[in-house]
Full PDB file with SEQRES, HELIX, SHEET, SSBOND, CRYST1, ORIGX, SCALE, CONECT and MASTER records, all heavy atoms in Angstrom:
SEQRES   1 A   36  GLY GLU ILE VAL SER VAL GLU ILE PRO THR SER ASN GLY          
SEQRES   2 A   36  ARG ASN LEU THR PHE GLY ASP VAL ILE VAL ARG VAL SER          
SEQRES   3 A   36  ASP SER TYR ALA LEU ALA MET HIS ILE ASP                      
SHEET    1 AA1 2 ILE A   3  ILE A   8  0                                        
SHEET    2 AA1 2 LEU A  16  ILE A  22 -1                                        
CRYST1    1.000    1.000    1.000  90.00  90.00  90.00 P 1           1          
ORIGX1      1.000000  0.000000  0.000000        0.00000                         
ORIGX2      0.000000  1.000000  0.000000        0.00000                         
ORIGX3      0.000000  0.000000  1.000000        0.00000                         
SCALE1      1.000000  0.000000  0.000000        0.00000                         
SCALE2      0.000000  1.000000  0.000000        0.00000                         
SCALE3      0.000000  0.000000  1.000000        0.00000                         
ATOM      1  N   GLY A   1      16.519 -67.881 -16.395  1.00  0.00           N  
ATOM      2  CA  GLY A   1      15.260 -68.520 -16.061  1.00  0.00           C  
ATOM      3  C   GLY A   1      15.386 -69.696 -15.104  1.00  0.00           C  
ATOM      4  O   GLY A   1      14.375 -70.223 -14.629  1.00  0.00           O  
ATOM      5  N   GLU A   2      16.612 -70.107 -14.818  1.00  0.00           N  
ATOM      6  CA  GLU A   2      16.837 -71.223 -13.892  1.00  0.00           C  
ATOM      7  C   GLU A   2      16.392 -70.820 -12.483  1.00  0.00           C  
ATOM      8  O   GLU A   2      16.519 -69.658 -12.086  1.00  0.00           O  
ATOM      9  CB  GLU A   2      18.322 -71.591 -13.888  1.00  0.00           C  
ATOM     10  CG  GLU A   2      18.678 -72.759 -13.011  1.00  0.00           C  
ATOM     11  CD  GLU A   2      20.150 -73.153 -13.100  1.00  0.00           C  
ATOM     12  OE1 GLU A   2      20.938 -72.453 -13.775  1.00  0.00           O  
ATOM     13  OE2 GLU A   2      20.509 -74.157 -12.477  1.00  0.00           O  
ATOM     14  N   ILE A   3      15.863 -71.784 -11.742  1.00  0.00           N  
ATOM     15  CA  ILE A   3      15.465 -71.550 -10.357  1.00  0.00           C  
ATOM     16  C   ILE A   3      16.508 -72.206  -9.448  1.00  0.00           C  
ATOM     17  O   ILE A   3      16.814 -73.387  -9.603  1.00  0.00           O  
ATOM     18  CB  ILE A   3      14.072 -72.151 -10.060  1.00  0.00           C  
ATOM     19  CG1 ILE A   3      13.023 -71.599 -11.026  1.00  0.00           C  
ATOM     20  CG2 ILE A   3      13.680 -71.902  -8.604  1.00  0.00           C  
ATOM     21  CD1 ILE A   3      12.765 -70.118 -10.924  1.00  0.00           C  
ATOM     22  N   VAL A   4      17.056 -71.420  -8.527  1.00  0.00           N  
ATOM     23  CA  VAL A   4      18.094 -71.905  -7.612  1.00  0.00           C  
ATOM     24  C   VAL A   4      17.707 -71.548  -6.173  1.00  0.00           C  
ATOM     25  O   VAL A   4      16.691 -70.911  -5.934  1.00  0.00           O  
ATOM     26  CB  VAL A   4      19.479 -71.303  -7.956  1.00  0.00           C  
ATOM     27  CG1 VAL A   4      19.931 -71.716  -9.346  1.00  0.00           C  
ATOM     28  CG2 VAL A   4      19.472 -69.782  -7.807  1.00  0.00           C  
ATOM     29  N   SER A   5      18.549 -71.939  -5.247  1.00  0.00           N  
ATOM     30  CA  SER A   5      18.413 -71.526  -3.845  1.00  0.00           C  
ATOM     31  C   SER A   5      19.651 -70.724  -3.476  1.00  0.00           C  
ATOM     32  O   SER A   5      20.706 -70.882  -4.091  1.00  0.00           O  
ATOM     33  CB  SER A   5      18.306 -72.746  -2.931  1.00  0.00           C  
ATOM     34  OG  SER A   5      17.120 -73.460  -3.190  1.00  0.00           O  
ATOM     35  N   VAL A   6      19.511 -69.864  -2.479  1.00  0.00           N  
ATOM     36  CA  VAL A   6      20.644 -69.077  -1.991  1.00  0.00           C  
ATOM     37  C   VAL A   6      20.662 -69.160  -0.475  1.00  0.00           C  
ATOM     38  O   VAL A   6      19.683 -68.822   0.193  1.00  0.00           O  
ATOM     39  CB  VAL A   6      20.571 -67.606  -2.456  1.00  0.00           C  
ATOM     40  CG1 VAL A   6      21.712 -66.799  -1.853  1.00  0.00           C  
ATOM     41  CG2 VAL A   6      20.594 -67.510  -3.982  1.00  0.00           C  
ATOM     42  N   GLU A   7      21.786 -69.639   0.033  1.00  0.00           N  
ATOM     43  CA  GLU A   7      21.960 -69.783   1.477  1.00  0.00           C  
ATOM     44  C   GLU A   7      22.525 -68.494   2.051  1.00  0.00           C  
ATOM     45  O   GLU A   7      23.534 -67.976   1.582  1.00  0.00           O  
ATOM     46  CB  GLU A   7      22.911 -70.947   1.763  1.00  0.00           C  
ATOM     47  CG  GLU A   7      23.077 -71.232   3.230  1.00  0.00           C  
ATOM     48  CD  GLU A   7      23.980 -72.432   3.460  1.00  0.00           C  
ATOM     49  OE1 GLU A   7      23.478 -73.560   3.327  1.00  0.00           O  
ATOM     50  OE2 GLU A   7      25.178 -72.215   3.744  1.00  0.00           O  
ATOM     51  N   ILE A   8      21.847 -68.002   3.069  1.00  0.00           N  
ATOM     52  CA  ILE A   8      22.292 -66.793   3.764  1.00  0.00           C  
ATOM     53  C   ILE A   8      23.034 -67.250   5.010  1.00  0.00           C  
ATOM     54  O   ILE A   8      22.516 -68.071   5.778  1.00  0.00           O  
ATOM     55  CB  ILE A   8      21.094 -65.897   4.155  1.00  0.00           C  
ATOM     56  CG1 ILE A   8      20.249 -65.555   2.929  1.00  0.00           C  
ATOM     57  CG2 ILE A   8      21.562 -64.639   4.892  1.00  0.00           C  
ATOM     58  CD1 ILE A   8      20.985 -64.805   1.838  1.00  0.00           C  
ATOM     59  N   PRO A   9      24.251 -66.757   5.241  1.00  0.00           N  
ATOM     60  CA  PRO A   9      25.017 -67.219   6.403  1.00  0.00           C  
ATOM     61  C   PRO A   9      24.323 -66.841   7.713  1.00  0.00           C  
ATOM     62  O   PRO A   9      23.527 -65.912   7.761  1.00  0.00           O  
ATOM     63  CB  PRO A   9      26.360 -66.497   6.261  1.00  0.00           C  
ATOM     64  CG  PRO A   9      26.087 -65.320   5.395  1.00  0.00           C  
ATOM     65  CD  PRO A   9      24.943 -65.710   4.494  1.00  0.00           C  
ATOM     66  N   THR A  10      24.651 -67.577   8.749  1.00  0.00           N  
ATOM     67  CA  THR A  10      24.066 -67.315  10.062  1.00  0.00           C  
ATOM     68  C   THR A  10      24.306 -65.860  10.460  1.00  0.00           C  
ATOM     69  O   THR A  10      25.415 -65.358  10.415  1.00  0.00           O  
ATOM     70  CB  THR A  10      24.677 -68.249  11.121  1.00  0.00           C  
ATOM     71  OG1 THR A  10      24.405 -69.588  10.732  1.00  0.00           O  
ATOM     72  CG2 THR A  10      24.076 -67.993  12.486  1.00  0.00           C  
ATOM     73  N   SER A  11      23.222 -65.209  10.816  1.00  0.00           N  
ATOM     74  CA  SER A  11      23.275 -63.818  11.245  1.00  0.00           C  
ATOM     75  C   SER A  11      22.211 -63.655  12.317  1.00  0.00           C  
ATOM     76  O   SER A  11      21.040 -63.905  12.061  1.00  0.00           O  
ATOM     77  CB  SER A  11      22.984 -62.891  10.047  1.00  0.00           C  
ATOM     78  OG  SER A  11      22.884 -61.568  10.475  1.00  0.00           O  
ATOM     79  N   ASN A  12      22.602 -63.294  13.495  1.00  0.00           N  
ATOM     80  CA  ASN A  12      21.635 -63.137  14.592  1.00  0.00           C  
ATOM     81  C   ASN A  12      20.871 -64.421  14.867  1.00  0.00           C  
ATOM     82  O   ASN A  12      19.713 -64.385  15.266  1.00  0.00           O  
ATOM     83  CB  ASN A  12      20.660 -61.995  14.283  1.00  0.00           C  
ATOM     84  CG  ASN A  12      21.357 -60.675  14.114  1.00  0.00           C  
ATOM     85  OD1 ASN A  12      22.314 -60.385  14.804  1.00  0.00           O  
ATOM     86  ND2 ASN A  12      20.896 -59.864  13.178  1.00  0.00           N  
ATOM     87  N   GLY A  13      21.497 -65.580  14.598  1.00  0.00           N  
ATOM     88  CA  GLY A  13      20.844 -66.852  14.877  1.00  0.00           C  
ATOM     89  C   GLY A  13      19.697 -67.188  13.956  1.00  0.00           C  
ATOM     90  O   GLY A  13      18.813 -67.965  14.318  1.00  0.00           O  
ATOM     91  N   ARG A  14      19.668 -66.612  12.748  1.00  0.00           N  
ATOM     92  CA  ARG A  14      18.546 -66.835  11.841  1.00  0.00           C  
ATOM     93  C   ARG A  14      19.005 -67.345  10.483  1.00  0.00           C  
ATOM     94  O   ARG A  14      18.610 -66.808   9.449  1.00  0.00           O  
ATOM     95  CB  ARG A  14      17.754 -65.544  11.664  1.00  0.00           C  
ATOM     96  CG  ARG A  14      17.182 -65.019  12.961  1.00  0.00           C  
ATOM     97  CD  ARG A  14      16.202 -63.942  12.689  1.00  0.00           C  
ATOM     98  NE  ARG A  14      14.885 -64.457  13.026  1.00  0.00           N  
ATOM     99  CZ  ARG A  14      13.765 -63.791  12.838  1.00  0.00           C  
ATOM    100  NH1 ARG A  14      13.777 -62.623  12.286  1.00  0.00           N  
ATOM    101  NH2 ARG A  14      12.617 -64.326  13.182  1.00  0.00           N  
ATOM    102  N   ASN A  15      19.843 -68.376  10.462  1.00  0.00           N  
ATOM    103  CA  ASN A  15      20.300 -68.949   9.206  1.00  0.00           C  
ATOM    104  C   ASN A  15      19.095 -69.297   8.329  1.00  0.00           C  
ATOM    105  O   ASN A  15      18.105 -69.828   8.815  1.00  0.00           O  
ATOM    106  CB  ASN A  15      21.135 -70.204   9.482  1.00  0.00           C  
ATOM    107  CG  ASN A  15      21.744 -70.774   8.224  1.00  0.00           C  
ATOM    108  OD1 ASN A  15      21.807 -70.118   7.197  1.00  0.00           O  
ATOM    109  ND2 ASN A  15      22.203 -72.006   8.309  1.00  0.00           N  
ATOM    110  N   LEU A  16      19.168 -68.977   7.041  1.00  0.00           N  
ATOM    111  CA  LEU A  16      18.027 -69.183   6.157  1.00  0.00           C  
ATOM    112  C   LEU A  16      18.521 -69.487   4.754  1.00  0.00           C  
ATOM    113  O   LEU A  16      19.507 -68.900   4.293  1.00  0.00           O  
ATOM    114  CB  LEU A  16      17.169 -67.907   6.131  1.00  0.00           C  
ATOM    115  CG  LEU A  16      15.872 -67.981   5.358  1.00  0.00           C  
ATOM    116  CD1 LEU A  16      14.825 -68.720   6.186  1.00  0.00           C  
ATOM    117  CD2 LEU A  16      15.373 -66.589   5.049  1.00  0.00           C  
ATOM    118  N   THR A  17      17.843 -70.402   4.065  1.00  0.00           N  
ATOM    119  CA  THR A  17      18.103 -70.644   2.646  1.00  0.00           C  
ATOM    120  C   THR A  17      16.861 -70.250   1.869  1.00  0.00           C  
ATOM    121  O   THR A  17      15.763 -70.759   2.141  1.00  0.00           O  
ATOM    122  CB  THR A  17      18.451 -72.124   2.389  1.00  0.00           C  
ATOM    123  OG1 THR A  17      19.635 -72.444   3.119  1.00  0.00           O  
ATOM    124  CG2 THR A  17      18.690 -72.375   0.909  1.00  0.00           C  
ATOM    125  N   PHE A  18      17.032 -69.310   0.948  1.00  0.00           N  
ATOM    126  CA  PHE A  18      15.924 -68.882   0.096  1.00  0.00           C  
ATOM    127  C   PHE A  18      15.821 -69.815  -1.094  1.00  0.00           C  
ATOM    128  O   PHE A  18      16.788 -69.997  -1.829  1.00  0.00           O  
ATOM    129  CB  PHE A  18      16.139 -67.449  -0.417  1.00  0.00           C  
ATOM    130  CG  PHE A  18      15.966 -66.399   0.634  1.00  0.00           C  
ATOM    131  CD1 PHE A  18      17.047 -65.668   1.072  1.00  0.00           C  
ATOM    132  CD2 PHE A  18      14.717 -66.129   1.171  1.00  0.00           C  
ATOM    133  CE1 PHE A  18      16.900 -64.686   2.043  1.00  0.00           C  
ATOM    134  CE2 PHE A  18      14.558 -65.155   2.148  1.00  0.00           C  
ATOM    135  CZ  PHE A  18      15.652 -64.432   2.584  1.00  0.00           C  
ATOM    136  N   GLY A  19      14.648 -70.416  -1.287  1.00  0.00           N  
ATOM    137  CA  GLY A  19      14.377 -71.206  -2.480  1.00  0.00           C  
ATOM    138  C   GLY A  19      13.659 -70.349  -3.500  1.00  0.00           C  
ATOM    139  O   GLY A  19      13.367 -69.175  -3.264  1.00  0.00           O  
ATOM    140  N   ASP A  20      13.359 -70.925  -4.646  1.00  0.00           N  
ATOM    141  CA  ASP A  20      12.596 -70.244  -5.697  1.00  0.00           C  
ATOM    142  C   ASP A  20      13.219 -68.916  -6.117  1.00  0.00           C  
ATOM    143  O   ASP A  20      12.522 -67.919  -6.319  1.00  0.00           O  
ATOM    144  CB  ASP A  20      11.144 -70.006  -5.259  1.00  0.00           C  
ATOM    145  CG  ASP A  20      10.414 -71.297  -4.965  1.00  0.00           C  
ATOM    146  OD1 ASP A  20      10.588 -72.258  -5.737  1.00  0.00           O  
ATOM    147  OD2 ASP A  20       9.686 -71.357  -3.959  1.00  0.00           O  
ATOM    148  N   VAL A  21      14.541 -68.891  -6.239  1.00  0.00           N  
ATOM    149  CA  VAL A  21      15.244 -67.687  -6.682  1.00  0.00           C  
ATOM    150  C   VAL A  21      15.442 -67.812  -8.191  1.00  0.00           C  
ATOM    151  O   VAL A  21      16.078 -68.755  -8.663  1.00  0.00           O  
ATOM    152  CB  VAL A  21      16.614 -67.539  -5.992  1.00  0.00           C  
ATOM    153  CG1 VAL A  21      17.324 -66.280  -6.480  1.00  0.00           C  
ATOM    154  CG2 VAL A  21      16.453 -67.527  -4.472  1.00  0.00           C  
ATOM    155  N   ILE A  22      14.893 -66.887  -8.948  1.00  0.00           N  
ATOM    156  CA  ILE A  22      15.017 -66.955 -10.401  1.00  0.00           C  
ATOM    157  C   ILE A  22      16.288 -66.254 -10.853  1.00  0.00           C  
ATOM    158  O   ILE A  22      16.640 -65.191 -10.329  1.00  0.00           O  
ATOM    159  CB  ILE A  22      13.772 -66.400 -11.118  1.00  0.00           C  
ATOM    160  CG1 ILE A  22      13.860 -66.700 -12.608  1.00  0.00           C  
ATOM    161  CG2 ILE A  22      13.587 -64.918 -10.862  1.00  0.00           C  
ATOM    162  CD1 ILE A  22      12.540 -66.717 -13.311  1.00  0.00           C  
ATOM    163  N   VAL A  23      16.978 -66.856 -11.804  1.00  0.00           N  
ATOM    164  CA  VAL A  23      18.195 -66.274 -12.366  1.00  0.00           C  
ATOM    165  C   VAL A  23      17.817 -65.493 -13.615  1.00  0.00           C  
ATOM    166  O   VAL A  23      17.144 -66.011 -14.511  1.00  0.00           O  
ATOM    167  CB  VAL A  23      19.223 -67.374 -12.718  1.00  0.00           C  
ATOM    168  CG1 VAL A  23      20.463 -66.766 -13.370  1.00  0.00           C  
ATOM    169  CG2 VAL A  23      19.597 -68.173 -11.477  1.00  0.00           C  
ATOM    170  N   ARG A  24      18.237 -64.238 -13.666  1.00  0.00           N  
ATOM    171  CA  ARG A  24      17.989 -63.386 -14.823  1.00  0.00           C  
ATOM    172  C   ARG A  24      19.345 -62.983 -15.402  1.00  0.00           C  
ATOM    173  O   ARG A  24      20.142 -62.356 -14.722  1.00  0.00           O  
ATOM    174  CB  ARG A  24      17.163 -62.166 -14.403  1.00  0.00           C  
ATOM    175  CG  ARG A  24      15.788 -62.593 -13.888  1.00  0.00           C  
ATOM    176  CD  ARG A  24      15.042 -61.505 -13.178  1.00  0.00           C  
ATOM    177  NE  ARG A  24      14.891 -60.323 -13.988  1.00  0.00           N  
ATOM    178  CZ  ARG A  24      14.442 -59.162 -13.534  1.00  0.00           C  
ATOM    179  NH1 ARG A  24      14.111 -59.031 -12.282  1.00  0.00           N  
ATOM    180  NH2 ARG A  24      14.334 -58.124 -14.327  1.00  0.00           N  
ATOM    181  N   VAL A  25      19.578 -63.369 -16.646  1.00  0.00           N  
ATOM    182  CA  VAL A  25      20.876 -63.149 -17.278  1.00  0.00           C  
ATOM    183  C   VAL A  25      20.760 -62.107 -18.378  1.00  0.00           C  
ATOM    184  O   VAL A  25      19.915 -62.210 -19.271  1.00  0.00           O  
ATOM    185  CB  VAL A  25      21.434 -64.471 -17.873  1.00  0.00           C  
ATOM    186  CG1 VAL A  25      22.777 -64.227 -18.549  1.00  0.00           C  
ATOM    187  CG2 VAL A  25      21.562 -65.530 -16.793  1.00  0.00           C  
ATOM    188  N   SER A  26      21.603 -61.082 -18.294  1.00  0.00           N  
ATOM    189  CA  SER A  26      21.697 -60.052 -19.325  1.00  0.00           C  
ATOM    190  C   SER A  26      23.023 -59.323 -19.144  1.00  0.00           C  
ATOM    191  O   SER A  26      23.451 -59.098 -18.009  1.00  0.00           O  
ATOM    192  CB  SER A  26      20.556 -59.046 -19.203  1.00  0.00           C  
ATOM    193  OG  SER A  26      20.785 -57.925 -20.049  1.00  0.00           O  
ATOM    194  N   ASP A  27      23.634 -58.949 -20.240  1.00  0.00           N  
ATOM    195  CA  ASP A  27      24.888 -58.212 -20.133  1.00  0.00           C  
ATOM    196  C   ASP A  27      24.675 -56.764 -19.692  1.00  0.00           C  
ATOM    197  O   ASP A  27      25.633 -56.030 -19.476  1.00  0.00           O  
ATOM    198  CB  ASP A  27      25.669 -58.305 -21.448  1.00  0.00           C  
ATOM    199  CG  ASP A  27      26.263 -59.696 -21.624  1.00  0.00           C  
ATOM    200  OD1 ASP A  27      26.598 -60.334 -20.605  1.00  0.00           O  
ATOM    201  OD2 ASP A  27      26.374 -60.151 -22.769  1.00  0.00           O  
ATOM    202  N   SER A  28      23.413 -56.365 -19.500  1.00  0.00           N  
ATOM    203  CA  SER A  28      23.146 -55.030 -18.958  1.00  0.00           C  
ATOM    204  C   SER A  28      23.019 -55.060 -17.432  1.00  0.00           C  
ATOM    205  O   SER A  28      22.743 -54.037 -16.818  1.00  0.00           O  
ATOM    206  CB  SER A  28      21.871 -54.446 -19.584  1.00  0.00           C  
ATOM    207  OG  SER A  28      20.741 -55.212 -19.217  1.00  0.00           O  
ATOM    208  N   TYR A  29      23.217 -56.234 -16.812  1.00  0.00           N  
ATOM    209  CA  TYR A  29      23.128 -56.375 -15.366  1.00  0.00           C  
ATOM    210  C   TYR A  29      24.500 -56.350 -14.707  1.00  0.00           C  
ATOM    211  O   TYR A  29      25.520 -56.489 -15.361  1.00  0.00           O  
ATOM    212  CB  TYR A  29      22.479 -57.716 -14.987  1.00  0.00           C  
ATOM    213  CG  TYR A  29      21.024 -57.870 -15.356  1.00  0.00           C  
ATOM    214  CD1 TYR A  29      20.498 -59.130 -15.587  1.00  0.00           C  
ATOM    215  CD2 TYR A  29      20.158 -56.787 -15.456  1.00  0.00           C  
ATOM    216  CE1 TYR A  29      19.160 -59.308 -15.914  1.00  0.00           C  
ATOM    217  CE2 TYR A  29      18.825 -56.958 -15.784  1.00  0.00           C  
ATOM    218  CZ  TYR A  29      18.330 -58.221 -16.004  1.00  0.00           C  
ATOM    219  OH  TYR A  29      17.016 -58.394 -16.328  1.00  0.00           O  
ATOM    220  N   ALA A  30      24.470 -56.234 -13.382  1.00  0.00           N  
ATOM    221  CA  ALA A  30      25.637 -56.456 -12.520  1.00  0.00           C  
ATOM    222  C   ALA A  30      25.237 -57.565 -11.554  1.00  0.00           C  
ATOM    223  O   ALA A  30      24.076 -57.642 -11.135  1.00  0.00           O  
ATOM    224  CB  ALA A  30      25.991 -55.188 -11.752  1.00  0.00           C  
ATOM    225  N   LEU A  31      26.171 -58.429 -11.188  1.00  0.00           N  
ATOM    226  CA  LEU A  31      25.867 -59.589 -10.354  1.00  0.00           C  
ATOM    227  C   LEU A  31      25.380 -59.162  -8.964  1.00  0.00           C  
ATOM    228  O   LEU A  31      26.097 -58.507  -8.212  1.00  0.00           O  
ATOM    229  CB  LEU A  31      27.102 -60.483 -10.212  1.00  0.00           C  
ATOM    230  CG  LEU A  31      26.900 -61.771  -9.403  1.00  0.00           C  
ATOM    231  CD1 LEU A  31      25.867 -62.678 -10.064  1.00  0.00           C  
ATOM    232  CD2 LEU A  31      28.226 -62.496  -9.226  1.00  0.00           C  
ATOM    233  N   ALA A  32      24.142 -59.534  -8.636  1.00  0.00           N  
ATOM    234  CA  ALA A  32      23.555 -59.269  -7.325  1.00  0.00           C  
ATOM    235  C   ALA A  32      22.235 -60.010  -7.210  1.00  0.00           C  
ATOM    236  O   ALA A  32      21.551 -60.226  -8.212  1.00  0.00           O  
ATOM    237  CB  ALA A  32      23.319 -57.778  -7.115  1.00  0.00           C  
ATOM    238  N   MET A  33      21.897 -60.381  -5.979  1.00  0.00           N  
ATOM    239  CA  MET A  33      20.585 -60.953  -5.689  1.00  0.00           C  
ATOM    240  C   MET A  33      19.746 -59.871  -5.031  1.00  0.00           C  
ATOM    241  O   MET A  33      20.261 -59.090  -4.226  1.00  0.00           O  
ATOM    242  CB  MET A  33      20.721 -62.142  -4.737  1.00  0.00           C  
ATOM    243  CG  MET A  33      19.393 -62.753  -4.334  1.00  0.00           C  
ATOM    244  SD  MET A  33      19.632 -64.138  -3.192  1.00  0.00           S  
ATOM    245  CE  MET A  33      17.944 -64.479  -2.735  1.00  0.00           C  
ATOM    246  N   HIS A  34      18.461 -59.825  -5.357  1.00  0.00           N  
ATOM    247  CA  HIS A  34      17.562 -58.852  -4.755  1.00  0.00           C  
ATOM    248  C   HIS A  34      16.448 -59.555  -3.993  1.00  0.00           C  
ATOM    249  O   HIS A  34      15.795 -60.456  -4.532  1.00  0.00           O  
ATOM    250  CB  HIS A  34      16.947 -57.936  -5.822  1.00  0.00           C  
ATOM    251  CG  HIS A  34      17.924 -56.970  -6.391  1.00  0.00           C  
ATOM    252  ND1 HIS A  34      17.701 -56.274  -7.550  1.00  0.00           N  
ATOM    253  CD2 HIS A  34      19.152 -56.584  -5.960  1.00  0.00           C  
ATOM    254  CE1 HIS A  34      18.745 -55.494  -7.805  1.00  0.00           C  
ATOM    255  NE2 HIS A  34      19.631 -55.680  -6.849  1.00  0.00           N  
ATOM    256  N   ILE A  35      16.258 -59.136  -2.738  1.00  0.00           N  
ATOM    257  CA  ILE A  35      15.159 -59.611  -1.902  1.00  0.00           C  
ATOM    258  C   ILE A  35      14.492 -58.390  -1.276  1.00  0.00           C  
ATOM    259  O   ILE A  35      15.066 -57.301  -1.251  1.00  0.00           O  
ATOM    260  CB  ILE A  35      15.630 -60.591  -0.806  1.00  0.00           C  
ATOM    261  CG1 ILE A  35      16.619 -59.910   0.157  1.00  0.00           C  
ATOM    262  CG2 ILE A  35      16.246 -61.845  -1.425  1.00  0.00           C  
ATOM    263  CD1 ILE A  35      17.017 -60.786   1.349  1.00  0.00           C  
ATOM    264  N   ASP A  36      13.265 -58.571  -0.776  1.00  0.00           N  
ATOM    265  CA  ASP A  36      12.589 -57.423  -0.167  1.00  0.00           C  
ATOM    266  C   ASP A  36      12.847 -57.385   1.346  1.00  0.00           C  
ATOM    267  O   ASP A  36      13.528 -58.243   1.904  1.00  0.00           O  
ATOM    268  CB  ASP A  36      11.097 -57.395  -0.526  1.00  0.00           C  
ATOM    269  CG  ASP A  36      10.271 -58.507   0.096  1.00  0.00           C  
ATOM    270  OD1 ASP A  36      10.647 -59.051   1.162  1.00  0.00           O  
ATOM    271  OD2 ASP A  36       9.208 -58.836  -0.477  1.00  0.00           O  
TER     272      ASP A  36                                                      
MASTER        0    0    0    0    2    0    0    6  271    1    0    3          
END                                                                             
């Protein structure tokens, strides 16, 4: 439930940090971030 940010490395000159990223913890998951 924690809200964090994730920095995306520079790619094509469009460095971006995503805010408001919710952390969902469960042992049925695999570590990954999902964006659209």
